[in-house]
Amino acid sequence: MKLAELFDLSGMERNAERLKKNAKRQADVAKAAQARLKMLKAQQQLRATSTSSSPARTTE
């Protein structure tokens, strides 16, 4: 009898593949969140720059 016959490793292999896919999915989600954060920071900086460089309005 072979060792592979004694232990059915297919369940462990499927579990390992599932864990790898979940880890990749989580990494992709983290990358997307970092990209959104970077975009929001750039927009905020652009708004701050444009408001500070606009001439002040005075009413006369």
C-alpha atoms as a PDB file:
ATOM      1  CA  MET A   1       0.000   0.000   0.000  1.00  0.00           C
ATOM      2  CA  LYS A   2       1.290   3.437  -0.944  1.00  0.00           C
ATOM      3  CA  LEU A   3       1.461   6.375   1.410  1.00  0.00           C
ATOM      4  CA  ALA A   4      -0.878   8.349  -0.844  1.00  0.00           C
ATOM      5  CA  GLU A   5      -3.440   5.611  -0.416  1.00  0.00           C
ATOM      6  CA  LEU A   6      -3.193   5.833   3.352  1.00  0.00           C
ATOM      7  CA  PHE A   7      -3.671   9.580   3.478  1.00  0.00           C
ATOM      8  CA  ASP A   8      -6.056  11.355   1.161  1.00  0.00           C
ATOM      9  CA  LEU A   9      -4.233  14.635   0.596  1.00  0.00           C
ATOM     10  CA  SER A  10      -6.698  16.054  -1.934  1.00  0.00           C
ATOM     11  CA  GLY A  11      -8.660  17.801   0.824  1.00  0.00           C
ATOM     12  CA  MET A  12      -5.504  19.422   2.166  1.00  0.00           C
ATOM     13  CA  GLU A  13      -4.476  20.456  -1.339  1.00  0.00           C
ATOM     14  CA  ARG A  14      -7.883  22.055  -1.977  1.00  0.00           C
ATOM     15  CA  ASN A  15      -7.653  23.852   1.364  1.00  0.00           C
ATOM     16  CA  ALA A  16      -4.167  25.154   0.538  1.00  0.00           C
ATOM     17  CA  GLU A  17      -5.368  26.416  -2.865  1.00  0.00           C
ATOM     18  CA  ARG A  18      -8.368  28.092  -1.233  1.00  0.00           C
ATOM     19  CA  LEU A  19      -6.111  29.802   1.303  1.00  0.00           C
ATOM     20  CA  LYS A  20      -3.796  31.018  -1.473  1.00  0.00           C
ATOM     21  CA  LYS A  21      -6.742  32.434  -3.429  1.00  0.00           C
ATOM     22  CA  ASN A  22      -8.087  34.163  -0.324  1.00  0.00           C
ATOM     23  CA  ALA A  23      -4.678  35.681   0.401  1.00  0.00           C
ATOM     24  CA  LYS A  24      -4.412  36.978  -3.173  1.00  0.00           C
ATOM     25  CA  ARG A  25      -7.925  38.410  -2.984  1.00  0.00           C
ATOM     26  CA  GLN A  26      -7.105  40.173   0.290  1.00  0.00           C
ATOM     27  CA  ALA A  27      -3.890  41.569  -1.194  1.00  0.00           C
ATOM     28  CA  ASP A  28      -5.861  42.889  -4.177  1.00  0.00           C
ATOM     29  CA  VAL A  29      -8.391  44.526  -1.856  1.00  0.00           C
ATOM     30  CA  ALA A  30      -5.573  46.154   0.117  1.00  0.00           C
ATOM     31  CA  LYS A  31      -3.955  47.474  -3.075  1.00  0.00           C
ATOM     32  CA  ALA A  32      -7.268  48.939  -4.232  1.00  0.00           C
ATOM     33  CA  ALA A  33      -7.801  50.597  -0.843  1.00  0.00           C
ATOM     34  CA  GLN A  34      -4.305  52.097  -0.959  1.00  0.00           C
ATOM     35  CA  ALA A  35      -4.969  53.437  -4.453  1.00  0.00           C
ATOM     36  CA  ARG A  36      -8.260  55.031  -3.329  1.00  0.00           C
ATOM     37  CA  LEU A  37      -6.535  56.583  -0.316  1.00  0.00           C
ATOM     38  CA  LYS A  38      -3.758  57.970  -2.505  1.00  0.00           C
ATOM     39  CA  MET A  39      -6.328  59.459  -4.876  1.00  0.00           C
ATOM     40  CA  LEU A  40      -8.297  61.038  -2.023  1.00  0.00           C
ATOM     41  CA  LYS A  41      -5.127  62.541  -0.550  1.00  0.00           C
ATOM     42  CA  ALA A  42      -4.193  63.980  -3.945  1.00  0.00           C
ATOM     43  CA  GLN A  43      -7.679  65.474  -4.343  1.00  0.00           C
ATOM     44  CA  GLN A  44      -7.491  66.955  -0.865  1.00  0.00           C
ATOM     45  CA  GLN A  45      -4.072  68.435  -1.578  1.00  0.00           C
ATOM     46  CA  LEU A  46      -5.340  69.855  -4.874  1.00  0.00           C
ATOM     47  CA  ARG A  47      -8.301  71.489  -3.125  1.00  0.00           C
ATOM     48  CA  ALA A  48      -6.037  72.923  -0.433  1.00  0.00           C
ATOM     49  CA  THR A  49      -3.625  74.256  -3.042  1.00  0.00           C
ATOM     50  CA  SER A  50      -6.361  75.783  -5.181  1.00  0.00           C
ATOM     51  CA  THR A  51      -8.078  77.465  -2.234  1.00  0.00           C
ATOM     52  CA  SER A  52      -4.833  78.888  -0.863  1.00  0.00           C
ATOM     53  CA  SER A  53      -3.754  80.213  -4.265  1.00  0.00           C
ATOM     54  CA  SER A  54      -7.106  81.859  -5.116  1.00  0.00           C
ATOM     55  CA  PRO A  55      -7.184  85.599  -4.657  1.00  0.00           C
ATOM     56  CA  ALA A  56      -9.108  86.727  -1.621  1.00  0.00           C
ATOM     57  CA  ARG A  57     -12.335  88.501  -2.443  1.00  0.00           C
ATOM     58  CA  THR A  58     -13.050  91.761  -0.747  1.00  0.00           C
ATOM     59  CA  THR A  59     -16.347  93.571  -0.736  1.00  0.00           C
ATOM     60  CA  GLU A  60     -16.178  97.303  -1.248  1.00  0.00           C
END
